[in-house]
Amino acid sequence: RKQCAIEKYILAFGSGFAGLIVALIILFIANLTKMNEFTSVELIESI
């Protein structure tokens, strides 16, 4: 039961970071194509 409980936290935090990575990839593409530009300060603040 301990493993069942801990697994839910690993899944939730891991999925959250996966969402961050997917968003970062798309955002960098948008930034390179000048469609949605942002600064490094805004990036740090957002995270």
ModelCIF file with pLDDT and N, C-alpha, C, O atoms, coordinates in Angstrom:
data_MODEL
#
_entry.id   MODEL 
#
_entity.id                         1 
_entity.type                       polymer 
_entity.pdbx_number_of_molecules   1 
#
_entity_poly.entity_id                      1 
_entity_poly.type                           'polypeptide(L)' 
_entity_poly.nstd_linkage                   no 
_entity_poly.nstd_monomer                   no 
_entity_poly.pdbx_seq_one_letter_code       RKQCAIEKYILAFGSGFAGLIVALIILFIANLTKMNEFTSVELIESI 
_entity_poly.pdbx_seq_one_letter_code_can   RKQCAIEKYILAFGSGFAGLIVALIILFIANLTKMNEFTSVELIESI 
_entity_poly.pdbx_strand_id                 A 
#
loop_
_entity_poly_seq.entity_id 
_entity_poly_seq.num 
_entity_poly_seq.mon_id 
_entity_poly_seq.hetero 
1 1  ARG n 
1 2  LYS n 
1 3  GLN n 
1 4  CYS n 
1 5  ALA n 
1 6  ILE n 
1 7  GLU n 
1 8  LYS n 
1 9  TYR n 
1 10 ILE n 
1 11 LEU n 
1 12 ALA n 
1 13 PHE n 
1 14 GLY n 
1 15 SER n 
1 16 GLY n 
1 17 PHE n 
1 18 ALA n 
1 19 GLY n 
1 20 LEU n 
1 21 ILE n 
1 22 VAL n 
1 23 ALA n 
1 24 LEU n 
1 25 ILE n 
1 26 ILE n 
1 27 LEU n 
1 28 PHE n 
1 29 ILE n 
1 30 ALA n 
1 31 ASN n 
1 32 LEU n 
1 33 THR n 
1 34 LYS n 
1 35 MET n 
1 36 ASN n 
1 37 GLU n 
1 38 PHE n 
1 39 THR n 
1 40 SER n 
1 41 VAL n 
1 42 GLU n 
1 43 LEU n 
1 44 ILE n 
1 45 GLU n 
1 46 SER n 
1 47 ILE n 
#
_struct_asym.id          A 
_struct_asym.entity_id   1 
#
loop_
_ma_qa_metric.id 
_ma_qa_metric.mode 
_ma_qa_metric.name 
_ma_qa_metric.software_group_id 
_ma_qa_metric.type 
1 global pLDDT . pLDDT 
2 local  pLDDT . pLDDT 
#
_ma_qa_metric_global.metric_id      1 
_ma_qa_metric_global.metric_value   83.09 
_ma_qa_metric_global.model_id       1 
_ma_qa_metric_global.ordinal_id     1 
#
loop_
_ma_qa_metric_local.label_asym_id 
_ma_qa_metric_local.label_comp_id 
_ma_qa_metric_local.label_seq_id 
_ma_qa_metric_local.metric_id 
_ma_qa_metric_local.metric_value 
_ma_qa_metric_local.model_id 
_ma_qa_metric_local.ordinal_id 
A ARG 1  2 88.00 1 1  
A LYS 2  2 89.00 1 2  
A GLN 3  2 89.00 1 3  
A CYS 4  2 88.00 1 4  
A ALA 5  2 90.00 1 5  
A ILE 6  2 92.00 1 6  
A GLU 7  2 91.00 1 7  
A LYS 8  2 93.00 1 8  
A TYR 9  2 94.00 1 9  
A ILE 10 2 93.00 1 10 
A LEU 11 2 92.00 1 11 
A ALA 12 2 92.00 1 12 
A PHE 13 2 92.00 1 13 
A GLY 14 2 91.00 1 14 
A SER 15 2 89.00 1 15 
A GLY 16 2 88.00 1 16 
A PHE 17 2 90.00 1 17 
A ALA 18 2 88.00 1 18 
A GLY 19 2 85.00 1 19 
A LEU 20 2 86.00 1 20 
A ILE 21 2 88.00 1 21 
A VAL 22 2 85.00 1 22 
A ALA 23 2 83.00 1 23 
A LEU 24 2 85.00 1 24 
A ILE 25 2 86.00 1 25 
A ILE 26 2 81.00 1 26 
A LEU 27 2 81.00 1 27 
A PHE 28 2 82.00 1 28 
A ILE 29 2 83.00 1 29 
A ALA 30 2 78.00 1 30 
A ASN 31 2 75.00 1 31 
A LEU 32 2 78.00 1 32 
A THR 33 2 77.00 1 33 
A LYS 34 2 71.00 1 34 
A MET 35 2 73.00 1 35 
A ASN 36 2 69.00 1 36 
A GLU 37 2 73.00 1 37 
A PHE 38 2 73.00 1 38 
A THR 39 2 75.00 1 39 
A SER 40 2 76.00 1 40 
A VAL 41 2 74.00 1 41 
A GLU 42 2 75.00 1 42 
A LEU 43 2 77.00 1 43 
A ILE 44 2 78.00 1 44 
A GLU 45 2 73.00 1 45 
A SER 46 2 77.00 1 46 
A ILE 47 2 79.00 1 47 
#
loop_
_atom_site.group_PDB 
_atom_site.id 
_atom_site.type_symbol 
_atom_site.label_atom_id 
_atom_site.label_alt_id 
_atom_site.label_comp_id 
_atom_site.label_asym_id 
_atom_site.label_entity_id 
_atom_site.label_seq_id 
_atom_site.pdbx_PDB_ins_code 
_atom_site.Cartn_x 
_atom_site.Cartn_y 
_atom_site.Cartn_z 
_atom_site.occupancy 
_atom_site.B_iso_or_equiv 
_atom_site.pdbx_formal_charge 
_atom_site.auth_seq_id 
_atom_site.auth_comp_id 
_atom_site.auth_asym_id 
_atom_site.auth_atom_id 
_atom_site.pdbx_PDB_model_num 
ATOM 1   N N  . ARG A 1 1  ? 0.835  -1.200 0.000   1.00 88.00 ? 1  ARG A N  1 
ATOM 2   C CA . ARG A 1 1  ? 0.000  0.000  0.000   1.00 88.00 ? 1  ARG A CA 1 
ATOM 3   C C  . ARG A 1 1  ? 0.875  1.257  0.000   1.00 88.00 ? 1  ARG A C  1 
ATOM 4   O O  . ARG A 1 1  ? 0.501  2.276  -0.580  1.00 88.00 ? 1  ARG A O  1 
ATOM 5   N N  . LYS A 1 2  ? 2.016  1.182  0.638   1.00 89.00 ? 2  LYS A N  1 
ATOM 6   C CA . LYS A 1 2  ? 2.955  2.308  0.648   1.00 89.00 ? 2  LYS A CA 1 
ATOM 7   C C  . LYS A 1 2  ? 3.409  2.629  -0.765  1.00 89.00 ? 2  LYS A C  1 
ATOM 8   O O  . LYS A 1 2  ? 3.478  3.797  -1.147  1.00 89.00 ? 2  LYS A O  1 
ATOM 9   N N  . GLN A 1 3  ? 3.717  1.599  -1.543  1.00 89.00 ? 3  GLN A N  1 
ATOM 10  C CA . GLN A 1 3  ? 4.143  1.805  -2.924  1.00 89.00 ? 3  GLN A CA 1 
ATOM 11  C C  . GLN A 1 3  ? 3.017  2.404  -3.763  1.00 89.00 ? 3  GLN A C  1 
ATOM 12  O O  . GLN A 1 3  ? 3.257  3.260  -4.614  1.00 89.00 ? 3  GLN A O  1 
ATOM 13  N N  . CYS A 1 4  ? 1.785  1.949  -3.521  1.00 88.00 ? 4  CYS A N  1 
ATOM 14  C CA . CYS A 1 4  ? 0.626  2.483  -4.250  1.00 88.00 ? 4  CYS A CA 1 
ATOM 15  C C  . CYS A 1 4  ? 0.462  3.981  -3.994  1.00 88.00 ? 4  CYS A C  1 
ATOM 16  O O  . CYS A 1 4  ? 0.144  4.744  -4.906  1.00 88.00 ? 4  CYS A O  1 
ATOM 17  N N  . ALA A 1 5  ? 0.680  4.391  -2.750  1.00 90.00 ? 5  ALA A N  1 
ATOM 18  C CA . ALA A 1 5  ? 0.541  5.811  -2.403  1.00 90.00 ? 5  ALA A CA 1 
ATOM 19  C C  . ALA A 1 5  ? 1.658  6.642  -3.022  1.00 90.00 ? 5  ALA A C  1 
ATOM 20  O O  . ALA A 1 5  ? 1.398  7.675  -3.640  1.00 90.00 ? 5  ALA A O  1 
ATOM 21  N N  . ILE A 1 6  ? 2.886  6.199  -2.860  1.00 92.00 ? 6  ILE A N  1 
ATOM 22  C CA . ILE A 1 6  ? 4.039  6.961  -3.365  1.00 92.00 ? 6  ILE A CA 1 
ATOM 23  C C  . ILE A 1 6  ? 3.990  7.065  -4.882  1.00 92.00 ? 6  ILE A C  1 
ATOM 24  O O  . ILE A 1 6  ? 4.365  8.093  -5.445  1.00 92.00 ? 6  ILE A O  1 
ATOM 25  N N  . GLU A 1 7  ? 3.527  6.001  -5.554  1.00 91.00 ? 7  GLU A N  1 
ATOM 26  C CA . GLU A 1 7  ? 3.475  5.998  -7.016  1.00 91.00 ? 7  GLU A CA 1 
ATOM 27  C C  . GLU A 1 7  ? 2.607  7.126  -7.557  1.00 91.00 ? 7  GLU A C  1 
ATOM 28  O O  . GLU A 1 7  ? 2.918  7.696  -8.603  1.00 91.00 ? 7  GLU A O  1 
ATOM 29  N N  . LYS A 1 8  ? 1.528  7.453  -6.864  1.00 93.00 ? 8  LYS A N  1 
ATOM 30  C CA . LYS A 1 8  ? 0.642  8.525  -7.327  1.00 93.00 ? 8  LYS A CA 1 
ATOM 31  C C  . LYS A 1 8  ? 1.353  9.879  -7.313  1.00 93.00 ? 8  LYS A C  1 
ATOM 32  O O  . LYS A 1 8  ? 1.124  10.714 -8.187  1.00 93.00 ? 8  LYS A O  1 
ATOM 33  N N  . TYR A 1 9  ? 2.202  10.089 -6.334  1.00 94.00 ? 9  TYR A N  1 
ATOM 34  C CA . TYR A 1 9  ? 2.963  11.348 -6.273  1.00 94.00 ? 9  TYR A CA 1 
ATOM 35  C C  . TYR A 1 9  ? 4.009  11.400 -7.378  1.00 94.00 ? 9  TYR A C  1 
ATOM 36  O O  . TYR A 1 9  ? 4.184  12.432 -8.025  1.00 94.00 ? 9  TYR A O  1 
ATOM 37  N N  . ILE A 1 10 ? 4.703  10.285 -7.594  1.00 93.00 ? 10 ILE A N  1 
ATOM 38  C CA . ILE A 1 10 ? 5.699  10.239 -8.670  1.00 93.00 ? 10 ILE A CA 1 
ATOM 39  C C  . ILE A 1 10 ? 5.027  10.508 -10.011 1.00 93.00 ? 10 ILE A C  1 
ATOM 40  O O  . ILE A 1 10 ? 5.552  11.252 -10.840 1.00 93.00 ? 10 ILE A O  1 
ATOM 41  N N  . LEU A 1 11 ? 3.863  9.897  -10.219 1.00 92.00 ? 11 LEU A N  1 
ATOM 42  C CA . LEU A 1 11 ? 3.131  10.087 -11.470 1.00 92.00 ? 11 LEU A CA 1 
ATOM 43  C C  . LEU A 1 11 ? 2.689  11.542 -11.642 1.00 92.00 ? 11 LEU A C  1 
ATOM 44  O O  . LEU A 1 11 ? 2.844  12.122 -12.717 1.00 92.00 ? 11 LEU A O  1 
ATOM 45  N N  . ALA A 1 12 ? 2.135  12.125 -10.572 1.00 92.00 ? 12 ALA A N  1 
ATOM 46  C CA . ALA A 1 12 ? 1.631  13.503 -10.652 1.00 92.00 ? 12 ALA A CA 1 
ATOM 47  C C  . ALA A 1 12 ? 2.757  14.496 -10.912 1.00 92.00 ? 12 ALA A C  1 
ATOM 48  O O  . ALA A 1 12 ? 2.640  15.347 -11.794 1.00 92.00 ? 12 ALA A O  1 
ATOM 49  N N  . PHE A 1 13 ? 3.843  14.396 -10.155 1.00 92.00 ? 13 PHE A N  1 
ATOM 50  C CA . PHE A 1 13 ? 4.960  15.326 -10.346 1.00 92.00 ? 13 PHE A CA 1 
ATOM 51  C C  . PHE A 1 13 ? 5.644  15.097 -11.690 1.00 92.00 ? 13 PHE A C  1 
ATOM 52  O O  . PHE A 1 13 ? 6.034  16.046 -12.370 1.00 92.00 ? 13 PHE A O  1 
ATOM 53  N N  . GLY A 1 14 ? 5.787  13.813 -12.067 1.00 91.00 ? 14 GLY A N  1 
ATOM 54  C CA . GLY A 1 14 ? 6.402  13.499 -13.358 1.00 91.00 ? 14 GLY A CA 1 
ATOM 55  C C  . GLY A 1 14 ? 5.580  14.018 -14.523 1.00 91.00 ? 14 GLY A C  1 
ATOM 56  O O  . GLY A 1 14 ? 6.131  14.521 -15.502 1.00 91.00 ? 14 GLY A O  1 
ATOM 57  N N  . SER A 1 15 ? 4.256  13.896 -14.421 1.00 89.00 ? 15 SER A N  1 
ATOM 58  C CA . SER A 1 15 ? 3.376  14.392 -15.484 1.00 89.00 ? 15 SER A CA 1 
ATOM 59  C C  . SER A 1 15 ? 3.426  15.912 -15.573 1.00 89.00 ? 15 SER A C  1 
ATOM 60  O O  . SER A 1 15 ? 3.372  16.486 -16.661 1.00 89.00 ? 15 SER A O  1 
ATOM 61  N N  . GLY A 1 16 ? 3.530  16.558 -14.409 1.00 88.00 ? 16 GLY A N  1 
ATOM 62  C CA . GLY A 1 16 ? 3.650  18.010 -14.397 1.00 88.00 ? 16 GLY A CA 1 
ATOM 63  C C  . GLY A 1 16 ? 4.918  18.475 -15.103 1.00 88.00 ? 16 GLY A C  1 
ATOM 64  O O  . GLY A 1 16 ? 4.890  19.433 -15.876 1.00 88.00 ? 16 GLY A O  1 
ATOM 65  N N  . PHE A 1 17 ? 6.031  17.792 -14.833 1.00 90.00 ? 17 PHE A N  1 
ATOM 66  C CA . PHE A 1 17 ? 7.291  18.146 -15.492 1.00 90.00 ? 17 PHE A CA 1 
ATOM 67  C C  . PHE A 1 17 ? 7.249  17.787 -16.981 1.00 90.00 ? 17 PHE A C  1 
ATOM 68  O O  . PHE A 1 17 ? 7.867  18.468 -17.801 1.00 90.00 ? 17 PHE A O  1 
ATOM 69  N N  . ALA A 1 18 ? 6.522  16.719 -17.331 1.00 88.00 ? 18 ALA A N  1 
ATOM 70  C CA . ALA A 1 18 ? 6.356  16.380 -18.752 1.00 88.00 ? 18 ALA A CA 1 
ATOM 71  C C  . ALA A 1 18 ? 5.590  17.489 -19.473 1.00 88.00 ? 18 ALA A C  1 
ATOM 72  O O  . ALA A 1 18 ? 5.915  17.847 -20.605 1.00 88.00 ? 18 ALA A O  1 
ATOM 73  N N  . GLY A 1 19 ? 4.560  18.031 -18.796 1.00 85.00 ? 19 GLY A N  1 
ATOM 74  C CA . GLY A 1 19 ? 3.829  19.164 -19.366 1.00 85.00 ? 19 GLY A CA 1 
ATOM 75  C C  . GLY A 1 19 ? 4.729  20.369 -19.561 1.00 85.00 ? 19 GLY A C  1 
ATOM 76  O O  . GLY A 1 19 ? 4.610  21.089 -20.552 1.00 85.00 ? 19 GLY A O  1 
ATOM 77  N N  . LEU A 1 20 ? 5.629  20.588 -18.612 1.00 86.00 ? 20 LEU A N  1 
ATOM 78  C CA . LEU A 1 20 ? 6.597  21.689 -18.714 1.00 86.00 ? 20 LEU A CA 1 
ATOM 79  C C  . LEU A 1 20 ? 7.513  21.498 -19.923 1.00 86.00 ? 20 LEU A C  1 
ATOM 80  O O  . LEU A 1 20 ? 7.755  22.443 -20.674 1.00 86.00 ? 20 LEU A O  1 
ATOM 81  N N  . ILE A 1 21 ? 8.020  20.284 -20.113 1.00 88.00 ? 21 ILE A N  1 
ATOM 82  C CA . ILE A 1 21 ? 8.945  20.005 -21.217 1.00 88.00 ? 21 ILE A CA 1 
ATOM 83  C C  . ILE A 1 21 ? 8.250  20.187 -22.566 1.00 88.00 ? 21 ILE A C  1 
ATOM 84  O O  . ILE A 1 21 ? 8.808  20.797 -23.478 1.00 88.00 ? 21 ILE A O  1 
ATOM 85  N N  . VAL A 1 22 ? 7.016  19.649 -22.692 1.00 85.00 ? 22 VAL A N  1 
ATOM 86  C CA . VAL A 1 22 ? 6.264  19.793 -23.946 1.00 85.00 ? 22 VAL A CA 1 
ATOM 87  C C  . VAL A 1 22 ? 6.032  21.272 -24.258 1.00 85.00 ? 22 VAL A C  1 
ATOM 88  O O  . VAL A 1 22 ? 6.219  21.717 -25.390 1.00 85.00 ? 22 VAL A O  1 
ATOM 89  N N  . ALA A 1 23 ? 5.621  22.026 -23.233 1.00 83.00 ? 23 ALA A N  1 
ATOM 90  C CA . ALA A 1 23 ? 5.368  23.455 -23.429 1.00 83.00 ? 23 ALA A CA 1 
ATOM 91  C C  . ALA A 1 23 ? 6.646  24.195 -23.820 1.00 83.00 ? 23 ALA A C  1 
ATOM 92  O O  . ALA A 1 23 ? 6.618  25.068 -24.688 1.00 83.00 ? 23 ALA A O  1 
ATOM 93  N N  . LEU A 1 24 ? 7.766  23.850 -23.182 1.00 85.00 ? 24 LEU A N  1 
ATOM 94  C CA . LEU A 1 24 ? 9.035  24.512 -23.492 1.00 85.00 ? 24 LEU A CA 1 
ATOM 95  C C  . LEU A 1 24 ? 9.455  24.265 -24.939 1.00 85.00 ? 24 LEU A C  1 
ATOM 96  O O  . LEU A 1 24 ? 9.932  25.179 -25.610 1.00 85.00 ? 24 LEU A O  1 
ATOM 97  N N  . ILE A 1 25 ? 9.279  23.036 -25.421 1.00 86.00 ? 25 ILE A N  1 
ATOM 98  C CA . ILE A 1 25 ? 9.651  22.716 -26.801 1.00 86.00 ? 25 ILE A CA 1 
ATOM 99  C C  . ILE A 1 25 ? 8.839  23.560 -27.776 1.00 86.00 ? 25 ILE A C  1 
ATOM 100 O O  . ILE A 1 25 ? 9.386  24.144 -28.712 1.00 86.00 ? 25 ILE A O  1 
ATOM 101 N N  . ILE A 1 26 ? 7.517  23.619 -27.544 1.00 81.00 ? 26 ILE A N  1 
ATOM 102 C CA . ILE A 1 26 ? 6.651  24.388 -28.446 1.00 81.00 ? 26 ILE A CA 1 
ATOM 103 C C  . ILE A 1 26 ? 6.951  25.886 -28.323 1.00 81.00 ? 26 ILE A C  1 
ATOM 104 O O  . ILE A 1 26 ? 6.945  26.606 -29.321 1.00 81.00 ? 26 ILE A O  1 
ATOM 105 N N  . LEU A 1 27 ? 7.211  26.351 -27.102 1.00 81.00 ? 27 LEU A N  1 
ATOM 106 C CA . LEU A 1 27 ? 7.495  27.770 -26.887 1.00 81.00 ? 27 LEU A CA 1 
ATOM 107 C C  . LEU A 1 27 ? 8.793  28.193 -27.559 1.00 81.00 ? 27 LEU A C  1 
ATOM 108 O O  . LEU A 1 27 ? 8.876  29.286 -28.119 1.00 81.00 ? 27 LEU A O  1 
ATOM 109 N N  . PHE A 1 28 ? 9.808  27.332 -27.504 1.00 82.00 ? 28 PHE A N  1 
ATOM 110 C CA . PHE A 1 28 ? 11.078 27.677 -28.160 1.00 82.00 ? 28 PHE A CA 1 
ATOM 111 C C  . PHE A 1 28 ? 10.911 27.731 -29.676 1.00 82.00 ? 28 PHE A C  1 
ATOM 112 O O  . PHE A 1 28 ? 11.528 28.556 -30.349 1.00 82.00 ? 28 PHE A O  1 
ATOM 113 N N  . ILE A 1 29 ? 10.064 26.837 -30.210 1.00 83.00 ? 29 ILE A N  1 
ATOM 114 C CA . ILE A 1 29 ? 9.772  26.900 -31.646 1.00 83.00 ? 29 ILE A CA 1 
ATOM 115 C C  . ILE A 1 29 ? 9.045  28.209 -31.963 1.00 83.00 ? 29 ILE A C  1 
ATOM 116 O O  . ILE A 1 29 ? 9.359  28.879 -32.947 1.00 83.00 ? 29 ILE A O  1 
ATOM 117 N N  . ALA A 1 30 ? 8.076  28.564 -31.126 1.00 78.00 ? 30 ALA A N  1 
ATOM 118 C CA . ALA A 1 30 ? 7.333  29.822 -31.327 1.00 78.00 ? 30 ALA A CA 1 
ATOM 119 C C  . ALA A 1 30 ? 8.265  31.025 -31.210 1.00 78.00 ? 30 ALA A C  1 
ATOM 120 O O  . ALA A 1 30 ? 8.117  32.004 -31.942 1.00 78.00 ? 30 ALA A O  1 
ATOM 121 N N  . ASN A 1 31 ? 9.225  30.949 -30.289 1.00 75.00 ? 31 ASN A N  1 
ATOM 122 C CA . ASN A 1 31 ? 10.172 32.048 -30.099 1.00 75.00 ? 31 ASN A CA 1 
ATOM 123 C C  . ASN A 1 31 ? 11.107 32.186 -31.303 1.00 75.00 ? 31 ASN A C  1 
ATOM 124 O O  . ASN A 1 31 ? 11.408 33.295 -31.745 1.00 75.00 ? 31 ASN A O  1 
ATOM 125 N N  . LEU A 1 32 ? 11.563 31.038 -31.827 1.00 78.00 ? 32 LEU A N  1 
ATOM 126 C CA . LEU A 1 32 ? 12.467 31.061 -32.978 1.00 78.00 ? 32 LEU A CA 1 
ATOM 127 C C  . LEU A 1 32 ? 11.771 31.592 -34.227 1.00 78.00 ? 32 LEU A C  1 
ATOM 128 O O  . LEU A 1 32 ? 12.394 32.256 -35.056 1.00 78.00 ? 32 LEU A O  1 
ATOM 129 N N  . THR A 1 33 ? 10.490 31.301 -34.360 1.00 77.00 ? 33 THR A N  1 
ATOM 130 C CA . THR A 1 33 ? 9.736  31.762 -35.531 1.00 77.00 ? 33 THR A CA 1 
ATOM 131 C C  . THR A 1 33 ? 9.130  33.162 -35.328 1.00 77.00 ? 33 THR A C  1 
ATOM 132 O O  . THR A 1 33 ? 8.382  33.659 -36.169 1.00 77.00 ? 33 THR A O  1 
ATOM 133 N N  . LYS A 1 34 ? 9.478  33.786 -34.180 1.00 71.00 ? 34 LYS A N  1 
ATOM 134 C CA . LYS A 1 34 ? 9.019  35.147 -33.860 1.00 71.00 ? 34 LYS A CA 1 
ATOM 135 C C  . LYS A 1 34 ? 7.497  35.244 -33.679 1.00 71.00 ? 34 LYS A C  1 
ATOM 136 O O  . LYS A 1 34 ? 6.931  36.333 -33.767 1.00 71.00 ? 34 LYS A O  1 
ATOM 137 N N  . MET A 1 35 ? 6.838  34.106 -33.425 1.00 73.00 ? 35 MET A N  1 
ATOM 138 C CA . MET A 1 35 ? 5.381  34.111 -33.268 1.00 73.00 ? 35 MET A CA 1 
ATOM 139 C C  . MET A 1 35 ? 4.957  34.342 -31.815 1.00 73.00 ? 35 MET A C  1 
ATOM 140 O O  . MET A 1 35 ? 3.831  34.763 -31.549 1.00 73.00 ? 35 MET A O  1 
ATOM 141 N N  . ASN A 1 36 ? 5.861  34.066 -30.889 1.00 69.00 ? 36 ASN A N  1 
ATOM 142 C CA . ASN A 1 36 ? 5.564  34.311 -29.471 1.00 69.00 ? 36 ASN A CA 1 
ATOM 143 C C  . ASN A 1 36 ? 6.905  34.455 -28.736 1.00 69.00 ? 36 ASN A C  1 
ATOM 144 O O  . ASN A 1 36 ? 7.441  33.486 -28.199 1.00 69.00 ? 36 ASN A O  1 
ATOM 145 N N  . GLU A 1 37 ? 7.420  35.659 -28.725 1.00 73.00 ? 37 GLU A N  1 
ATOM 146 C CA . GLU A 1 37 ? 8.741  35.897 -28.159 1.00 73.00 ? 37 GLU A CA 1 
ATOM 147 C C  . GLU A 1 37 ? 8.672  36.110 -26.645 1.00 73.00 ? 37 GLU A C  1 
ATOM 148 O O  . GLU A 1 37 ? 7.682  36.614 -26.114 1.00 73.00 ? 37 GLU A O  1 
ATOM 149 N N  . PHE A 1 38 ? 9.747  35.713 -25.972 1.00 73.00 ? 38 PHE A N  1 
ATOM 150 C CA . PHE A 1 38 ? 9.838  35.897 -24.519 1.00 73.00 ? 38 PHE A CA 1 
ATOM 151 C C  . PHE A 1 38 ? 11.306 36.017 -24.130 1.00 73.00 ? 38 PHE A C  1 
ATOM 152 O O  . PHE A 1 38 ? 12.195 35.644 -24.895 1.00 73.00 ? 38 PHE A O  1 
ATOM 153 N N  . THR A 1 39 ? 11.546 36.539 -22.937 1.00 75.00 ? 39 THR A N  1 
ATOM 154 C CA . THR A 1 39 ? 12.908 36.718 -22.447 1.00 75.00 ? 39 THR A CA 1 
ATOM 155 C C  . THR A 1 39 ? 13.256 35.618 -21.454 1.00 75.00 ? 39 THR A C  1 
ATOM 156 O O  . THR A 1 39 ? 12.378 34.894 -20.986 1.00 75.00 ? 39 THR A O  1 
ATOM 157 N N  . SER A 1 40 ? 14.523 35.496 -21.139 1.00 76.00 ? 40 SER A N  1 
ATOM 158 C CA . SER A 1 40 ? 14.971 34.497 -20.161 1.00 76.00 ? 40 SER A CA 1 
ATOM 159 C C  . SER A 1 40 ? 14.418 34.806 -18.774 1.00 76.00 ? 40 SER A C  1 
ATOM 160 O O  . SER A 1 40 ? 14.147 33.894 -17.994 1.00 76.00 ? 40 SER A O  1 
ATOM 161 N N  . VAL A 1 41 ? 14.247 36.106 -18.464 1.00 74.00 ? 41 VAL A N  1 
ATOM 162 C CA . VAL A 1 41 ? 13.672 36.497 -17.166 1.00 74.00 ? 41 VAL A CA 1 
ATOM 163 C C  . VAL A 1 41 ? 12.236 36.009 -17.062 1.00 74.00 ? 41 VAL A C  1 
ATOM 164 O O  . VAL A 1 41 ? 11.828 35.482 -16.027 1.00 74.00 ? 41 VAL A O  1 
ATOM 165 N N  . GLU A 1 42 ? 11.464 36.186 -18.140 1.00 75.00 ? 42 GLU A N  1 
ATOM 166 C CA . GLU A 1 42 ? 10.071 35.711 -18.154 1.00 75.00 ? 42 GLU A CA 1 
ATOM 167 C C  . GLU A 1 42 ? 10.005 34.198 -18.034 1.00 75.00 ? 42 GLU A C  1 
ATOM 168 O O  . GLU A 1 42 ? 9.097  33.654 -17.405 1.00 75.00 ? 42 GLU A O  1 
ATOM 169 N N  . LEU A 1 43 ? 10.968 33.526 -18.641 1.00 77.00 ? 43 LEU A N  1 
ATOM 170 C CA . LEU A 1 43 ? 11.018 32.064 -18.557 1.00 77.00 ? 43 LEU A CA 1 
ATOM 171 C C  . LEU A 1 43 ? 11.224 31.610 -17.116 1.00 77.00 ? 43 LEU A C  1 
ATOM 172 O O  . LEU A 1 43 ? 10.519 30.724 -16.634 1.00 77.00 ? 43 LEU A O  1 
ATOM 173 N N  . ILE A 1 44 ? 12.187 32.217 -16.432 1.00 78.00 ? 44 ILE A N  1 
ATOM 174 C CA . ILE A 1 44 ? 12.476 31.862 -15.035 1.00 78.00 ? 44 ILE A CA 1 
ATOM 175 C C  . ILE A 1 44 ? 11.282 32.190 -14.135 1.00 78.00 ? 44 ILE A C  1 
ATOM 176 O O  . ILE A 1 44 ? 10.908 31.400 -13.268 1.00 78.00 ? 44 ILE A O  1 
ATOM 177 N N  . GLU A 1 45 ? 10.693 33.361 -14.354 1.00 73.00 ? 45 GLU A N  1 
ATOM 178 C CA . GLU A 1 45 ? 9.528  33.761 -13.554 1.00 73.00 ? 45 GLU A CA 1 
ATOM 179 C C  . GLU A 1 45 ? 8.373  32.778 -13.740 1.00 73.00 ? 45 GLU A C  1 
ATOM 180 O O  . GLU A 1 45 ? 7.692  32.426 -12.777 1.00 73.00 ? 45 GLU A O  1 
ATOM 181 N N  . SER A 1 46 ? 8.155  32.337 -14.977 1.00 77.00 ? 46 SER A N  1 
ATOM 182 C CA . SER A 1 46 ? 7.046  31.429 -15.275 1.00 77.00 ? 46 SER A CA 1 
ATOM 183 C C  . SER A 1 46 ? 7.236  30.079 -14.591 1.00 77.00 ? 46 SER A C  1 
ATOM 184 O O  . SER A 1 46 ? 6.288  29.516 -14.043 1.00 77.00 ? 46 SER A O  1 
ATOM 185 N N  . ILE A 1 47 ? 8.459  29.564 -14.625 1.00 79.00 ? 47 ILE A N  1 
ATOM 186 C CA . ILE A 1 47 ? 8.738  28.280 -13.973 1.00 79.00 ? 47 ILE A CA 1 
ATOM 187 C C  . ILE A 1 47 ? 8.597  28.426 -12.457 1.00 79.00 ? 47 ILE A C  1 
ATOM 188 O O  . ILE A 1 47 ? 8.791  27.457 -11.723 1.00 79.00 ? 47 ILE A O  1 
#
